[in-house]
């Protein structure tokens, strides 16, 4: 008789334990999902901060470029201070200032105006995407 009561007790306790274990699994799953959402939010903030930093660097370099350096007239002249001319026949200049020791600003002329973009410092003659002519 004792075995019968013990068996019935275990049989009644088993669904309770399964329910408790399922509740623990669901709670762990929700915690993991919240952690992933928080990490995605952190990554998005870091990407936005990095993009803002690059844009500010580009704009600062373009503002430092001398306004007296007239478009079209001085393209073959020596580079202004704090800039270098990578290719003699090209109307573009690279900043000597670097962003995170990885990027430089490339200032080029398009449609009679000076424009700038960020390019990797390492590489052969990096150009801005806007400089390429589409056929």
C-alpha atoms as a PDB file:
ATOM      1  CA  UNK A   1       0.000   0.000   0.000  1.00  0.00           C
ATOM      2  CA  UNK A   2       2.860   2.361   0.778  1.00  0.00           C
ATOM      3  CA  UNK A   3       4.238   1.784  -2.679  1.00  0.00           C
ATOM      4  CA  UNK A   4       0.892   2.730  -4.149  1.00  0.00           C
ATOM      5  CA  UNK A   5       0.801   6.019  -2.271  1.00  0.00           C
ATOM      6  CA  UNK A   6       4.415   6.781  -3.139  1.00  0.00           C
ATOM      7  CA  UNK A   7       3.730   6.021  -6.797  1.00  0.00           C
ATOM      8  CA  UNK A   8       0.628   8.217  -6.857  1.00  0.00           C
ATOM      9  CA  UNK A   9       2.532  11.023  -5.123  1.00  0.00           C
ATOM     10  CA  UNK A  10       5.302  10.877  -7.699  1.00  0.00           C
ATOM     11  CA  UNK A  11       2.784  10.723 -10.515  1.00  0.00           C
ATOM     12  CA  UNK A  12       1.102  13.887  -9.208  1.00  0.00           C
ATOM     13  CA  UNK A  13       4.429  15.625  -8.549  1.00  0.00           C
ATOM     14  CA  UNK A  14       5.812  14.922 -12.017  1.00  0.00           C
ATOM     15  CA  UNK A  15       3.547  17.382 -13.944  1.00  0.00           C
ATOM     16  CA  UNK A  16       4.326  20.088 -11.394  1.00  0.00           C
ATOM     17  CA  UNK A  17       8.076  19.576 -11.870  1.00  0.00           C
ATOM     18  CA  UNK A  18       7.715  19.560 -15.672  1.00  0.00           C
ATOM     19  CA  UNK A  19       5.703  22.802 -15.497  1.00  0.00           C
ATOM     20  CA  UNK A  20       8.302  24.398 -13.237  1.00  0.00           C
ATOM     21  CA  UNK A  21      11.141  23.350 -15.542  1.00  0.00           C
ATOM     22  CA  UNK A  22       9.251  24.722 -18.572  1.00  0.00           C
ATOM     23  CA  UNK A  23       8.751  28.038 -16.774  1.00  0.00           C
ATOM     24  CA  UNK A  24      12.494  28.216 -16.058  1.00  0.00           C
ATOM     25  CA  UNK A  25      13.327  27.519 -19.734  1.00  0.00           C
ATOM     26  CA  UNK A  26      10.915  30.207 -20.941  1.00  0.00           C
ATOM     27  CA  UNK A  27      12.368  32.739 -18.484  1.00  0.00           C
ATOM     28  CA  UNK A  28      15.925  31.958 -19.653  1.00  0.00           C
ATOM     29  CA  UNK A  29      14.845  32.307 -23.278  1.00  0.00           C
ATOM     30  CA  UNK A  30      13.276  35.708 -22.602  1.00  0.00           C
ATOM     31  CA  UNK A  31      16.420  36.870 -20.782  1.00  0.00           C
ATOM     32  CA  UNK A  32      18.551  35.806 -23.736  1.00  0.00           C
ATOM     33  CA  UNK A  33      16.287  37.681 -26.134  1.00  0.00           C
ATOM     34  CA  UNK A  34      16.487  40.826 -23.992  1.00  0.00           C
ATOM     35  CA  UNK A  35      20.277  40.529 -23.894  1.00  0.00           C
ATOM     36  CA  UNK A  36      20.397  40.261 -27.694  1.00  0.00           C
ATOM     37  CA  UNK A  37      18.161  43.318 -28.074  1.00  0.00           C
ATOM     38  CA  UNK A  38      20.373  45.312 -25.700  1.00  0.00           C
ATOM     39  CA  UNK A  39      23.545  44.292 -27.529  1.00  0.00           C
ATOM     40  CA  UNK A  40      21.979  45.204 -30.888  1.00  0.00           C
ATOM     41  CA  UNK A  41      21.067  48.596 -29.470  1.00  0.00           C
ATOM     42  CA  UNK A  42      24.637  49.082 -28.231  1.00  0.00           C
ATOM     43  CA  UNK A  43      26.061  48.150 -31.637  1.00  0.00           C
ATOM     44  CA  UNK A  44      23.672  50.552 -33.379  1.00  0.00           C
ATOM     45  CA  UNK A  45      24.759  53.368 -31.048  1.00  0.00           C
ATOM     46  CA  UNK A  46      28.441  52.620 -31.708  1.00  0.00           C
ATOM     47  CA  UNK A  47      27.878  52.604 -35.485  1.00  0.00           C
ATOM     48  CA  UNK A  48      26.036  55.929 -35.318  1.00  0.00           C
ATOM     49  CA  UNK A  49      28.782  57.433 -33.159  1.00  0.00           C
ATOM     50  CA  UNK A  50      31.450  56.210 -35.603  1.00  0.00           C
ATOM     51  CA  UNK A  51      29.526  57.595 -38.581  1.00  0.00           C
ATOM     52  CA  UNK A  52      29.116  60.966 -36.846  1.00  0.00           C
ATOM     53  CA  UNK A  53      32.844  61.062 -36.024  1.00  0.00           C
ATOM     54  CA  UNK A  54      33.775  60.365 -39.671  1.00  0.00           C
ATOM     55  CA  UNK A  55      31.359  63.001 -40.948  1.00  0.00           C
ATOM     56  CA  UNK A  56      32.741  65.603 -38.538  1.00  0.00           C
ATOM     57  CA  UNK A  57      36.328  64.783 -39.569  1.00  0.00           C
ATOM     58  CA  UNK A  58      35.418  65.051 -43.262  1.00  0.00           C
ATOM     59  CA  UNK A  59      33.625  68.371 -42.765  1.00  0.00           C
ATOM     60  CA  UNK A  60      36.486  69.773 -40.658  1.00  0.00           C
ATOM     61  CA  UNK A  61      39.032  68.872 -43.334  1.00  0.00           C
ATOM     62  CA  UNK A  62      36.895  70.424 -46.070  1.00  0.00           C
ATOM     63  CA  UNK A  63      36.507  73.592 -43.986  1.00  0.00           C
ATOM     64  CA  UNK A  64      40.294  73.704 -43.449  1.00  0.00           C
ATOM     65  CA  UNK A  65      40.881  73.543 -47.195  1.00  0.00           C
ATOM     66  CA  UNK A  66      41.777  77.083 -48.298  1.00  0.00           C
ATOM     67  CA  UNK A  67      38.908  78.981 -49.909  1.00  0.00           C
ATOM     68  CA  UNK A  68      41.455  80.925 -51.918  1.00  0.00           C
ATOM     69  CA  UNK A  69      42.350  77.725 -53.728  1.00  0.00           C
ATOM     70  CA  UNK A  70      40.080  78.494 -56.666  1.00  0.00           C
ATOM     71  CA  UNK A  71      38.386  75.532 -58.349  1.00  0.00           C
ATOM     72  CA  UNK A  72      39.741  74.681 -61.779  1.00  0.00           C
ATOM     73  CA  UNK A  73      42.509  77.273 -61.739  1.00  0.00           C
ATOM     74  CA  UNK A  74      45.031  75.769 -59.355  1.00  0.00           C
ATOM     75  CA  UNK A  75      44.528  72.057 -59.908  1.00  0.00           C
ATOM     76  CA  UNK A  76      48.140  71.611 -61.021  1.00  0.00           C
ATOM     77  CA  UNK A  77      49.612  73.925 -58.395  1.00  0.00           C
ATOM     78  CA  UNK A  78      51.345  72.725 -55.268  1.00  0.00           C
ATOM     79  CA  UNK A  79      49.099  71.414 -52.526  1.00  0.00           C
ATOM     80  CA  UNK A  80      48.032  73.837 -49.814  1.00  0.00           C
ATOM     81  CA  UNK A  81      49.320  73.463 -46.256  1.00  0.00           C
ATOM     82  CA  UNK A  82      48.204  70.309 -44.401  1.00  0.00           C
ATOM     83  CA  UNK A  83      47.289  68.572 -47.696  1.00  0.00           C
ATOM     84  CA  UNK A  84      49.178  66.500 -50.251  1.00  0.00           C
ATOM     85  CA  UNK A  85      48.582  65.887 -53.938  1.00  0.00           C
ATOM     86  CA  UNK A  86      48.564  62.126 -54.653  1.00  0.00           C
ATOM     87  CA  UNK A  87      48.452  62.335 -58.466  1.00  0.00           C
ATOM     88  CA  UNK A  88      49.809  65.286 -60.444  1.00  0.00           C
ATOM     89  CA  UNK A  89      47.240  65.179 -63.272  1.00  0.00           C
ATOM     90  CA  UNK A  90      44.294  64.829 -60.925  1.00  0.00           C
ATOM     91  CA  UNK A  91      42.445  67.662 -59.202  1.00  0.00           C
ATOM     92  CA  UNK A  92      42.323  66.012 -55.770  1.00  0.00           C
ATOM     93  CA  UNK A  93      44.141  66.368 -52.465  1.00  0.00           C
ATOM     94  CA  UNK A  94      44.620  64.182 -49.394  1.00  0.00           C
ATOM     95  CA  UNK A  95      44.659  65.525 -45.857  1.00  0.00           C
ATOM     96  CA  UNK A  96      47.754  64.949 -43.781  1.00  0.00           C
ATOM     97  CA  UNK A  97      45.506  64.640 -40.727  1.00  0.00           C
ATOM     98  CA  UNK A  98      44.316  61.105 -40.036  1.00  0.00           C
ATOM     99  CA  UNK A  99      41.243  59.697 -38.369  1.00  0.00           C
ATOM    100  CA  UNK A 100      42.070  56.793 -36.029  1.00  0.00           C
ATOM    101  CA  UNK A 101      45.316  56.266 -38.018  1.00  0.00           C
ATOM    102  CA  UNK A 102      43.203  54.510 -40.658  1.00  0.00           C
ATOM    103  CA  UNK A 103      41.420  57.146 -42.716  1.00  0.00           C
ATOM    104  CA  UNK A 104      42.228  60.397 -44.456  1.00  0.00           C
ATOM    105  CA  UNK A 105      40.029  62.976 -46.118  1.00  0.00           C
ATOM    106  CA  UNK A 106      40.133  63.194 -49.904  1.00  0.00           C
ATOM    107  CA  UNK A 107      39.148  66.571 -51.287  1.00  0.00           C
ATOM    108  CA  UNK A 108      38.275  66.627 -54.954  1.00  0.00           C
ATOM    109  CA  UNK A 109      36.618  68.913 -57.432  1.00  0.00           C
ATOM    110  CA  UNK A 110      33.324  68.058 -59.093  1.00  0.00           C
ATOM    111  CA  UNK A 111      31.032  70.374 -61.038  1.00  0.00           C
ATOM    112  CA  UNK A 112      33.099  73.402 -60.068  1.00  0.00           C
ATOM    113  CA  UNK A 113      32.915  72.814 -56.307  1.00  0.00           C
ATOM    114  CA  UNK A 114      35.201  71.225 -53.734  1.00  0.00           C
ATOM    115  CA  UNK A 115      33.821  68.078 -52.122  1.00  0.00           C
ATOM    116  CA  UNK A 116      35.268  65.623 -49.627  1.00  0.00           C
ATOM    117  CA  UNK A 117      34.969  62.040 -48.492  1.00  0.00           C
ATOM    118  CA  UNK A 118      36.768  59.666 -46.138  1.00  0.00           C
ATOM    119  CA  UNK A 119      39.048  57.058 -47.736  1.00  0.00           C
ATOM    120  CA  UNK A 120      41.366  54.425 -46.262  1.00  0.00           C
ATOM    121  CA  UNK A 121      44.906  55.693 -45.903  1.00  0.00           C
ATOM    122  CA  UNK A 122      46.342  52.399 -47.087  1.00  0.00           C
ATOM    123  CA  UNK A 123      45.667  51.521 -50.675  1.00  0.00           C
ATOM    124  CA  UNK A 124      46.592  52.532 -54.149  1.00  0.00           C
ATOM    125  CA  UNK A 125      45.060  55.838 -55.140  1.00  0.00           C
ATOM    126  CA  UNK A 126      41.786  55.617 -53.201  1.00  0.00           C
ATOM    127  CA  UNK A 127      38.942  57.623 -54.708  1.00  0.00           C
ATOM    128  CA  UNK A 128      35.555  58.731 -53.446  1.00  0.00           C
ATOM    129  CA  UNK A 129      32.593  56.805 -54.850  1.00  0.00           C
ATOM    130  CA  UNK A 130      31.130  60.040 -56.213  1.00  0.00           C
ATOM    131  CA  UNK A 131      34.226  60.616 -58.360  1.00  0.00           C
ATOM    132  CA  UNK A 132      33.601  57.643 -60.601  1.00  0.00           C
ATOM    133  CA  UNK A 133      31.645  58.438 -63.739  1.00  0.00           C
ATOM    134  CA  UNK A 134      28.851  56.057 -64.635  1.00  0.00           C
ATOM    135  CA  UNK A 135      28.631  55.086 -68.292  1.00  0.00           C
END
